Amino acid sequence: MNWNQVQGNWKQFMGKAKEQWGDLTDDELTQVAGKRDALLGLIQTKYGIAQEEAEQQIKDWEKAHS
């Protein structure tokens, strides 16, 4: 899956993102609006993890939904 597909269909992917990162609120995911860098920053902040870890989680999530 490429990120353009995610961004273009963000409303559909929001539920899958919520399953993966349950601490993220619907409002936060709406604000992300499919922007990968915004999701990365949100995961880092919400979970208190390093950028590399958040990046790996997003990559794993992308693979799982491709």
N, C-alpha and C. Protein backbone atom coordinates (compact mmCIF):
# COMPACT_ATOMS: atom_id res chain seq x y z
N MET A 1 0.86 -1.17 0.00
CA MET A 1 0.00 0.00 0.00
C MET A 1 0.90 1.22 0.00
N ASN A 2 0.53 2.20 -0.79
CA ASN A 2 1.29 3.43 -0.72
C ASN A 2 0.48 4.46 0.08
N TRP A 3 1.19 5.42 0.62
CA TRP A 3 0.54 6.35 1.54
C TRP A 3 -0.50 7.21 0.84
N ASN A 4 -0.39 7.43 -0.46
CA ASN A 4 -1.41 8.20 -1.18
C ASN A 4 -2.78 7.53 -1.10
N GLN A 5 -2.78 6.19 -1.11
CA GLN A 5 -4.04 5.45 -0.97
C GLN A 5 -4.63 5.68 0.41
N VAL A 6 -3.77 5.65 1.42
CA VAL A 6 -4.23 5.88 2.79
C VAL A 6 -4.81 7.28 2.92
N GLN A 7 -4.07 8.26 2.43
CA GLN A 7 -4.50 9.64 2.56
C GLN A 7 -5.81 9.86 1.80
N GLY A 8 -5.94 9.29 0.63
CA GLY A 8 -7.15 9.46 -0.16
C GLY A 8 -8.37 8.80 0.44
N ASN A 9 -8.16 7.77 1.25
CA ASN A 9 -9.26 7.04 1.86
C ASN A 9 -9.16 7.07 3.39
N TRP A 10 -8.71 8.18 3.93
CA TRP A 10 -8.42 8.27 5.35
C TRP A 10 -9.60 7.90 6.23
N LYS A 11 -10.79 8.30 5.84
CA LYS A 11 -11.96 7.98 6.68
C LYS A 11 -12.12 6.48 6.84
N GLN A 12 -11.81 5.72 5.81
CA GLN A 12 -11.90 4.26 5.89
C GLN A 12 -10.77 3.70 6.73
N PHE A 13 -9.59 4.31 6.65
CA PHE A 13 -8.43 3.82 7.39
C PHE A 13 -8.43 4.26 8.84
N MET A 14 -9.24 5.25 9.19
CA MET A 14 -9.27 5.73 10.57
C MET A 14 -9.63 4.61 11.54
N GLY A 15 -10.58 3.79 11.19
CA GLY A 15 -10.98 2.69 12.06
C GLY A 15 -9.84 1.69 12.27
N LYS A 16 -9.10 1.43 11.20
CA LYS A 16 -7.96 0.51 11.30
C LYS A 16 -6.85 1.13 12.14
N ALA A 17 -6.67 2.42 12.01
CA ALA A 17 -5.67 3.12 12.83
C ALA A 17 -6.10 3.09 14.29
N LYS A 18 -7.37 3.26 14.54
CA LYS A 18 -7.90 3.24 15.91
C LYS A 18 -7.70 1.86 16.53
N GLU A 19 -7.85 0.80 15.74
CA GLU A 19 -7.60 -0.55 16.24
C GLU A 19 -6.14 -0.72 16.63
N GLN A 20 -5.24 -0.18 15.83
CA GLN A 20 -3.81 -0.31 16.07
C GLN A 20 -3.36 0.55 17.25
N TRP A 21 -3.82 1.79 17.28
CA TRP A 21 -3.42 2.74 18.31
C TRP A 21 -4.66 3.21 19.05
N GLY A 22 -5.13 2.38 19.96
CA GLY A 22 -6.39 2.60 20.65
C GLY A 22 -6.46 3.84 21.52
N ASP A 23 -5.30 4.40 21.89
CA ASP A 23 -5.32 5.61 22.72
C ASP A 23 -5.60 6.87 21.91
N LEU A 24 -5.56 6.77 20.59
CA LEU A 24 -5.83 7.94 19.76
C LEU A 24 -7.34 8.15 19.67
N THR A 25 -7.74 9.40 19.81
CA THR A 25 -9.17 9.71 19.75
C THR A 25 -9.61 9.92 18.31
N ASP A 26 -10.90 9.86 18.10
CA ASP A 26 -11.45 10.12 16.77
C ASP A 26 -11.10 11.53 16.32
N ASP A 27 -11.16 12.49 17.23
CA ASP A 27 -10.83 13.88 16.88
C ASP A 27 -9.36 13.99 16.45
N GLU A 28 -8.47 13.31 17.17
CA GLU A 28 -7.05 13.36 16.81
C GLU A 28 -6.83 12.74 15.43
N LEU A 29 -7.48 11.62 15.18
CA LEU A 29 -7.33 10.97 13.89
C LEU A 29 -7.94 11.81 12.77
N THR A 30 -9.01 12.50 13.06
CA THR A 30 -9.60 13.40 12.06
C THR A 30 -8.64 14.52 11.72
N GLN A 31 -7.97 15.06 12.74
CA GLN A 31 -7.01 16.14 12.51
C GLN A 31 -5.80 15.67 11.72
N VAL A 32 -5.42 14.41 11.87
CA VAL A 32 -4.31 13.85 11.10
C VAL A 32 -4.62 13.94 9.61
N ALA A 33 -5.87 13.71 9.25
CA ALA A 33 -6.35 13.84 7.87
C ALA A 33 -5.52 13.04 6.87
N GLY A 34 -4.99 11.90 7.31
CA GLY A 34 -4.24 11.05 6.40
C GLY A 34 -2.80 11.48 6.17
N LYS A 35 -2.35 12.49 6.88
CA LYS A 35 -0.96 12.95 6.71
C LYS A 35 -0.04 12.08 7.55
N ARG A 36 0.86 11.41 6.88
CA ARG A 36 1.74 10.45 7.54
C ARG A 36 2.58 11.10 8.64
N ASP A 37 3.15 12.27 8.35
CA ASP A 37 3.99 12.94 9.34
C ASP A 37 3.19 13.37 10.56
N ALA A 38 1.94 13.74 10.35
CA ALA A 38 1.08 14.11 11.47
C ALA A 38 0.76 12.89 12.33
N LEU A 39 0.51 11.76 11.70
CA LEU A 39 0.26 10.52 12.44
C LEU A 39 1.51 10.11 13.21
N LEU A 40 2.65 10.23 12.59
CA LEU A 40 3.93 9.90 13.23
C LEU A 40 4.11 10.72 14.50
N GLY A 41 3.93 12.03 14.40
CA GLY A 41 4.08 12.90 15.56
C GLY A 41 3.07 12.60 16.65
N LEU A 42 1.86 12.31 16.25
CA LEU A 42 0.81 12.01 17.22
C LEU A 42 1.12 10.73 17.99
N ILE A 43 1.57 9.71 17.28
CA ILE A 43 1.92 8.44 17.93
C ILE A 43 3.08 8.66 18.90
N GLN A 44 4.09 9.41 18.47
CA GLN A 44 5.23 9.70 19.34
C GLN A 44 4.77 10.37 20.63
N THR A 45 3.96 11.39 20.48
CA THR A 45 3.51 12.17 21.63
C THR A 45 2.60 11.36 22.54
N LYS A 46 1.62 10.70 21.96
CA LYS A 46 0.61 10.00 22.74
C LYS A 46 1.20 8.80 23.49
N TYR A 47 2.14 8.12 22.86
CA TYR A 47 2.70 6.91 23.46
C TYR A 47 4.08 7.13 24.10
N GLY A 48 4.63 8.33 23.94
CA GLY A 48 5.92 8.64 24.55
C GLY A 48 7.05 7.77 24.01
N ILE A 49 7.06 7.58 22.70
CA ILE A 49 8.09 6.74 22.08
C ILE A 49 8.94 7.57 21.13
N ALA A 50 10.09 7.01 20.77
CA ALA A 50 11.00 7.68 19.86
C ALA A 50 10.45 7.66 18.43
N GLN A 51 10.95 8.57 17.63
CA GLN A 51 10.52 8.67 16.24
C GLN A 51 10.74 7.35 15.50
N GLU A 52 11.88 6.71 15.75
CA GLU A 52 12.20 5.46 15.06
C GLU A 52 11.17 4.37 15.37
N GLU A 53 10.76 4.29 16.64
CA GLU A 53 9.76 3.30 17.03
C GLU A 53 8.41 3.60 16.39
N ALA A 54 8.02 4.86 16.40
CA ALA A 54 6.75 5.25 15.77
C ALA A 54 6.79 4.97 14.28
N GLU A 55 7.91 5.24 13.66
CA GLU A 55 8.07 4.98 12.23
C GLU A 55 7.92 3.49 11.94
N GLN A 56 8.52 2.65 12.77
CA GLN A 56 8.43 1.21 12.58
C GLN A 56 7.00 0.73 12.76
N GLN A 57 6.30 1.28 13.73
CA GLN A 57 4.90 0.90 13.93
C GLN A 57 4.06 1.25 12.71
N ILE A 58 4.29 2.42 12.13
CA ILE A 58 3.53 2.82 10.94
C ILE A 58 3.88 1.90 9.77
N LYS A 59 5.15 1.57 9.60
CA LYS A 59 5.55 0.67 8.52
C LYS A 59 4.88 -0.70 8.68
N ASP A 60 4.88 -1.21 9.91
CA ASP A 60 4.23 -2.49 10.17
C ASP A 60 2.73 -2.43 9.89
N TRP A 61 2.11 -1.32 10.25
CA TRP A 61 0.68 -1.11 10.03
C TRP A 61 0.38 -1.07 8.53
N GLU A 62 1.25 -0.37 7.79
CA GLU A 62 1.08 -0.31 6.33
C GLU A 62 1.15 -1.70 5.71
N LYS A 63 2.12 -2.50 6.14
CA LYS A 63 2.27 -3.85 5.61
C LYS A 63 1.03 -4.71 5.93
N ALA A 64 0.52 -4.54 7.13
CA ALA A 64 -0.63 -5.35 7.56
C ALA A 64 -1.90 -5.01 6.78
N HIS A 65 -1.96 -3.82 6.20
CA HIS A 65 -3.18 -3.39 5.50
C HIS A 65 -2.97 -3.19 4.02
N SER A 66 -1.95 -3.83 3.48
CA SER A 66 -1.72 -3.69 2.03
C SER A 66 -2.25 -4.88 1.28
